[in-house]
Amino acid sequence: MSNTNENIHHLGKVCSEYCMSASEVYNMLLSKNDGDFPLSFDTVKYMVLKDVRADKLKMIFTQEELKSIFSNINLKKIKNTQTKNFINSL
């Protein structure tokens, strides 16, 4: 878990314009509870995929957490080939 805490800052830039901290983004992705936030869970997970490299996501989340977060993703919405490959690898 300490490894996660050291790397969570990579999520900070994702929703900063919506005043969401890295820990809020992290907690929302794990809980899928977006009731207290200005953005929906689905919006945030796509923003994370767009703004955070896959290798950084692997340092923040476990493989099981990544599967849970990105399991229902629409690959047609993802333009980056490396990101598509990352999602398919889960």
N, C-alpha and C. Protein backbone atom coordinates (compact mmCIF):
# COMPACT_ATOMS: atom_id res chain seq x y z
N MET A 1 0.82 -1.20 0.00
CA MET A 1 0.00 0.00 0.00
C MET A 1 0.86 1.26 0.00
N SER A 2 2.02 1.21 0.62
CA SER A 2 2.87 2.40 0.64
C SER A 2 3.32 2.76 -0.78
N ASN A 3 3.52 1.75 -1.62
CA ASN A 3 3.87 1.99 -3.01
C ASN A 3 2.78 2.81 -3.70
N THR A 4 1.53 2.47 -3.41
CA THR A 4 0.41 3.21 -3.96
C THR A 4 0.46 4.66 -3.51
N ASN A 5 0.66 4.88 -2.23
CA ASN A 5 0.66 6.24 -1.70
C ASN A 5 1.78 7.08 -2.30
N GLU A 6 2.90 6.46 -2.62
CA GLU A 6 4.01 7.18 -3.22
C GLU A 6 3.69 7.60 -4.65
N ASN A 7 2.84 6.88 -5.32
CA ASN A 7 2.57 7.12 -6.74
C ASN A 7 1.22 7.77 -7.02
N ILE A 8 0.41 7.95 -6.01
CA ILE A 8 -0.94 8.47 -6.20
C ILE A 8 -0.93 9.88 -6.80
N HIS A 9 0.16 10.61 -6.60
CA HIS A 9 0.24 11.99 -7.12
C HIS A 9 0.07 12.05 -8.63
N HIS A 10 0.30 10.95 -9.34
CA HIS A 10 0.12 10.93 -10.79
C HIS A 10 -1.34 11.17 -11.18
N LEU A 11 -2.26 10.95 -10.25
CA LEU A 11 -3.68 11.18 -10.53
C LEU A 11 -4.09 12.63 -10.29
N GLY A 12 -3.21 13.42 -9.70
CA GLY A 12 -3.54 14.78 -9.31
C GLY A 12 -3.91 15.71 -10.44
N LYS A 13 -3.25 15.58 -11.57
CA LYS A 13 -3.51 16.49 -12.68
C LYS A 13 -4.80 16.18 -13.42
N VAL A 14 -5.30 14.96 -13.26
CA VAL A 14 -6.43 14.48 -14.06
C VAL A 14 -7.66 15.37 -13.89
N CYS A 15 -8.05 15.65 -12.67
CA CYS A 15 -9.28 16.39 -12.41
C CYS A 15 -9.03 17.67 -11.63
N SER A 16 -7.82 18.20 -11.70
CA SER A 16 -7.49 19.38 -10.91
C SER A 16 -8.36 20.58 -11.27
N GLU A 17 -8.77 20.69 -12.53
CA GLU A 17 -9.62 21.82 -12.92
C GLU A 17 -11.02 21.70 -12.33
N TYR A 18 -11.34 20.55 -11.79
CA TYR A 18 -12.63 20.34 -11.12
C TYR A 18 -12.45 20.28 -9.61
N CYS A 19 -11.28 20.73 -9.14
CA CYS A 19 -10.95 20.78 -7.71
C CYS A 19 -11.01 19.40 -7.05
N MET A 20 -10.63 18.38 -7.77
CA MET A 20 -10.54 17.04 -7.21
C MET A 20 -9.08 16.69 -6.99
N SER A 21 -8.75 16.25 -5.80
CA SER A 21 -7.37 15.88 -5.48
C SER A 21 -7.05 14.48 -6.00
N ALA A 22 -5.78 14.14 -5.97
CA ALA A 22 -5.35 12.80 -6.39
C ALA A 22 -6.01 11.72 -5.54
N SER A 23 -6.11 11.95 -4.24
CA SER A 23 -6.71 10.94 -3.37
C SER A 23 -8.21 10.80 -3.64
N GLU A 24 -8.87 11.90 -3.99
CA GLU A 24 -10.30 11.82 -4.32
C GLU A 24 -10.51 11.02 -5.62
N VAL A 25 -9.66 11.25 -6.60
CA VAL A 25 -9.73 10.49 -7.86
C VAL A 25 -9.48 9.01 -7.57
N TYR A 26 -8.45 8.75 -6.78
CA TYR A 26 -8.10 7.37 -6.42
C TYR A 26 -9.28 6.67 -5.73
N ASN A 27 -9.82 7.33 -4.72
CA ASN A 27 -10.93 6.73 -3.96
C ASN A 27 -12.17 6.53 -4.82
N MET A 28 -12.45 7.48 -5.71
CA MET A 28 -13.62 7.33 -6.58
C MET A 28 -13.45 6.14 -7.52
N LEU A 29 -12.26 5.99 -8.07
CA LEU A 29 -12.02 4.88 -8.99
C LEU A 29 -12.17 3.53 -8.29
N LEU A 30 -11.73 3.45 -7.06
CA LEU A 30 -11.84 2.18 -6.32
C LEU A 30 -13.28 1.91 -5.87
N SER A 31 -13.96 2.94 -5.40
CA SER A 31 -15.31 2.75 -4.86
C SER A 31 -16.40 2.83 -5.92
N LYS A 32 -16.09 3.49 -7.05
CA LYS A 32 -17.06 3.77 -8.12
C LYS A 32 -18.22 4.63 -7.62
N ASN A 33 -18.01 5.29 -6.49
CA ASN A 33 -19.02 6.17 -5.90
C ASN A 33 -18.68 7.60 -6.29
N ASP A 34 -19.50 8.18 -7.15
CA ASP A 34 -19.23 9.54 -7.63
C ASP A 34 -20.24 10.57 -7.14
N GLY A 35 -21.04 10.20 -6.16
CA GLY A 35 -22.10 11.08 -5.67
C GLY A 35 -21.63 12.41 -5.11
N ASP A 36 -20.44 12.45 -4.54
CA ASP A 36 -19.94 13.68 -3.91
C ASP A 36 -19.04 14.50 -4.83
N PHE A 37 -18.96 14.12 -6.09
CA PHE A 37 -18.00 14.77 -6.98
C PHE A 37 -18.68 15.38 -8.20
N PRO A 38 -18.03 16.39 -8.81
CA PRO A 38 -18.63 17.07 -9.97
C PRO A 38 -18.61 16.23 -11.24
N LEU A 39 -17.82 15.17 -11.28
CA LEU A 39 -17.71 14.33 -12.47
C LEU A 39 -18.17 12.91 -12.16
N SER A 40 -18.68 12.24 -13.18
CA SER A 40 -19.12 10.86 -12.99
C SER A 40 -17.91 9.92 -12.99
N PHE A 41 -18.10 8.74 -12.44
CA PHE A 41 -17.07 7.71 -12.44
C PHE A 41 -16.60 7.42 -13.87
N ASP A 42 -17.55 7.27 -14.79
CA ASP A 42 -17.18 6.97 -16.18
C ASP A 42 -16.32 8.06 -16.79
N THR A 43 -16.68 9.31 -16.55
CA THR A 43 -15.90 10.43 -17.09
C THR A 43 -14.49 10.41 -16.53
N VAL A 44 -14.37 10.19 -15.23
CA VAL A 44 -13.06 10.21 -14.58
C VAL A 44 -12.18 9.06 -15.09
N LYS A 45 -12.75 7.88 -15.25
CA LYS A 45 -11.89 6.76 -15.70
C LYS A 45 -11.35 7.01 -17.11
N TYR A 46 -12.14 7.63 -17.98
CA TYR A 46 -11.63 7.96 -19.32
C TYR A 46 -10.58 9.07 -19.25
N MET A 47 -10.78 10.04 -18.36
CA MET A 47 -9.79 11.11 -18.18
C MET A 47 -8.47 10.54 -17.67
N VAL A 48 -8.57 9.59 -16.75
CA VAL A 48 -7.36 8.95 -16.21
C VAL A 48 -6.62 8.21 -17.32
N LEU A 49 -7.35 7.47 -18.14
CA LEU A 49 -6.71 6.75 -19.25
C LEU A 49 -6.04 7.70 -20.23
N LYS A 50 -6.62 8.86 -20.42
CA LYS A 50 -6.08 9.84 -21.36
C LYS A 50 -4.84 10.53 -20.79
N ASP A 51 -4.85 10.80 -19.48
CA ASP A 51 -3.81 11.64 -18.88
C ASP A 51 -2.70 10.90 -18.13
N VAL A 52 -2.92 9.63 -17.79
CA VAL A 52 -1.93 8.89 -16.99
C VAL A 52 -1.48 7.66 -17.78
N ARG A 53 -0.19 7.53 -17.94
CA ARG A 53 0.35 6.39 -18.68
C ARG A 53 0.05 5.07 -17.97
N ALA A 54 -0.05 4.02 -18.75
CA ALA A 54 -0.37 2.69 -18.21
C ALA A 54 0.64 2.23 -17.18
N ASP A 55 1.92 2.50 -17.40
CA ASP A 55 2.93 2.05 -16.42
C ASP A 55 2.73 2.74 -15.07
N LYS A 56 2.27 3.97 -15.09
CA LYS A 56 1.99 4.69 -13.84
C LYS A 56 0.76 4.10 -13.16
N LEU A 57 -0.26 3.76 -13.95
CA LEU A 57 -1.47 3.16 -13.37
C LEU A 57 -1.13 1.83 -12.70
N LYS A 58 -0.22 1.07 -13.30
CA LYS A 58 0.19 -0.21 -12.71
C LYS A 58 0.93 -0.02 -11.40
N MET A 59 1.55 1.15 -11.21
CA MET A 59 2.23 1.43 -9.95
C MET A 59 1.24 1.89 -8.88
N ILE A 60 0.10 2.41 -9.28
CA ILE A 60 -0.89 2.94 -8.34
C ILE A 60 -1.87 1.86 -7.90
N PHE A 61 -2.35 1.09 -8.86
CA PHE A 61 -3.40 0.10 -8.60
C PHE A 61 -2.88 -1.32 -8.79
N THR A 62 -3.52 -2.27 -8.08
CA THR A 62 -3.21 -3.68 -8.30
C THR A 62 -3.86 -4.12 -9.61
N GLN A 63 -3.47 -5.27 -10.09
CA GLN A 63 -4.05 -5.82 -11.32
C GLN A 63 -5.57 -6.00 -11.16
N GLU A 64 -6.00 -6.51 -10.02
CA GLU A 64 -7.43 -6.71 -9.77
C GLU A 64 -8.19 -5.39 -9.74
N GLU A 65 -7.60 -4.37 -9.13
CA GLU A 65 -8.24 -3.05 -9.10
C GLU A 65 -8.36 -2.48 -10.50
N LEU A 66 -7.32 -2.63 -11.30
CA LEU A 66 -7.37 -2.15 -12.68
C LEU A 66 -8.47 -2.86 -13.47
N LYS A 67 -8.58 -4.16 -13.29
CA LYS A 67 -9.65 -4.92 -13.97
C LYS A 67 -11.01 -4.39 -13.56
N SER A 68 -11.19 -4.15 -12.28
CA SER A 68 -12.47 -3.67 -11.76
C SER A 68 -12.81 -2.28 -12.31
N ILE A 69 -11.84 -1.40 -12.32
CA ILE A 69 -12.06 -0.02 -12.76
C ILE A 69 -12.38 0.05 -14.25
N PHE A 70 -11.62 -0.67 -15.05
CA PHE A 70 -11.69 -0.52 -16.50
C PHE A 70 -12.40 -1.67 -17.21
N SER A 71 -13.11 -2.50 -16.50
CA SER A 71 -13.74 -3.68 -17.10
C SER A 71 -14.82 -3.35 -18.13
N ASN A 72 -15.57 -2.30 -17.93
CA ASN A 72 -16.68 -1.98 -18.84
C ASN A 72 -16.35 -0.81 -19.78
N ILE A 73 -15.11 -0.69 -20.15
CA ILE A 73 -14.69 0.45 -20.97
C ILE A 73 -15.06 0.22 -22.44
N ASN A 74 -15.41 1.30 -23.10
CA ASN A 74 -15.73 1.25 -24.53
C ASN A 74 -14.44 1.56 -25.30
N LEU A 75 -13.85 0.54 -25.89
CA LEU A 75 -12.58 0.72 -26.60
C LEU A 75 -12.69 1.67 -27.78
N LYS A 76 -13.88 1.85 -28.31
CA LYS A 76 -14.06 2.77 -29.44
C LYS A 76 -13.80 4.22 -29.03
N LYS A 77 -13.91 4.52 -27.74
CA LYS A 77 -13.67 5.87 -27.25
C LYS A 77 -12.19 6.16 -27.04
N ILE A 78 -11.36 5.13 -27.13
CA ILE A 78 -9.93 5.30 -26.86
C ILE A 78 -9.17 5.33 -28.17
N LYS A 79 -8.44 6.41 -28.39
CA LYS A 79 -7.72 6.61 -29.64
C LYS A 79 -6.27 6.10 -29.56
N ASN A 80 -5.68 6.14 -28.38
CA ASN A 80 -4.29 5.76 -28.21
C ASN A 80 -4.13 4.24 -28.26
N THR A 81 -3.31 3.78 -29.19
CA THR A 81 -3.11 2.34 -29.38
C THR A 81 -2.51 1.68 -28.14
N GLN A 82 -1.54 2.33 -27.51
CA GLN A 82 -0.93 1.77 -26.30
C GLN A 82 -1.96 1.62 -25.19
N THR A 83 -2.86 2.57 -25.07
CA THR A 83 -3.90 2.50 -24.05
C THR A 83 -4.86 1.36 -24.36
N LYS A 84 -5.21 1.19 -25.62
CA LYS A 84 -6.08 0.06 -26.00
C LYS A 84 -5.41 -1.26 -25.67
N ASN A 85 -4.12 -1.37 -25.96
CA ASN A 85 -3.38 -2.60 -25.65
C ASN A 85 -3.36 -2.86 -24.15
N PHE A 86 -3.19 -1.79 -23.37
CA PHE A 86 -3.20 -1.91 -21.91
C PHE A 86 -4.54 -2.45 -21.42
N ILE A 87 -5.63 -1.89 -21.93
CA ILE A 87 -6.98 -2.33 -21.52
C ILE A 87 -7.19 -3.80 -21.92
N ASN A 88 -6.79 -4.14 -23.13
CA ASN A 88 -6.94 -5.53 -23.60
C ASN A 88 -6.11 -6.50 -22.76
N SER A 89 -5.01 -6.05 -22.21
CA SER A 89 -4.14 -6.92 -21.40
C SER A 89 -4.75 -7.24 -20.03
N LEU A 90 -5.72 -6.43 -19.63
CA LEU A 90 -6.35 -6.66 -18.33
C LEU A 90 -7.30 -7.84 -18.44
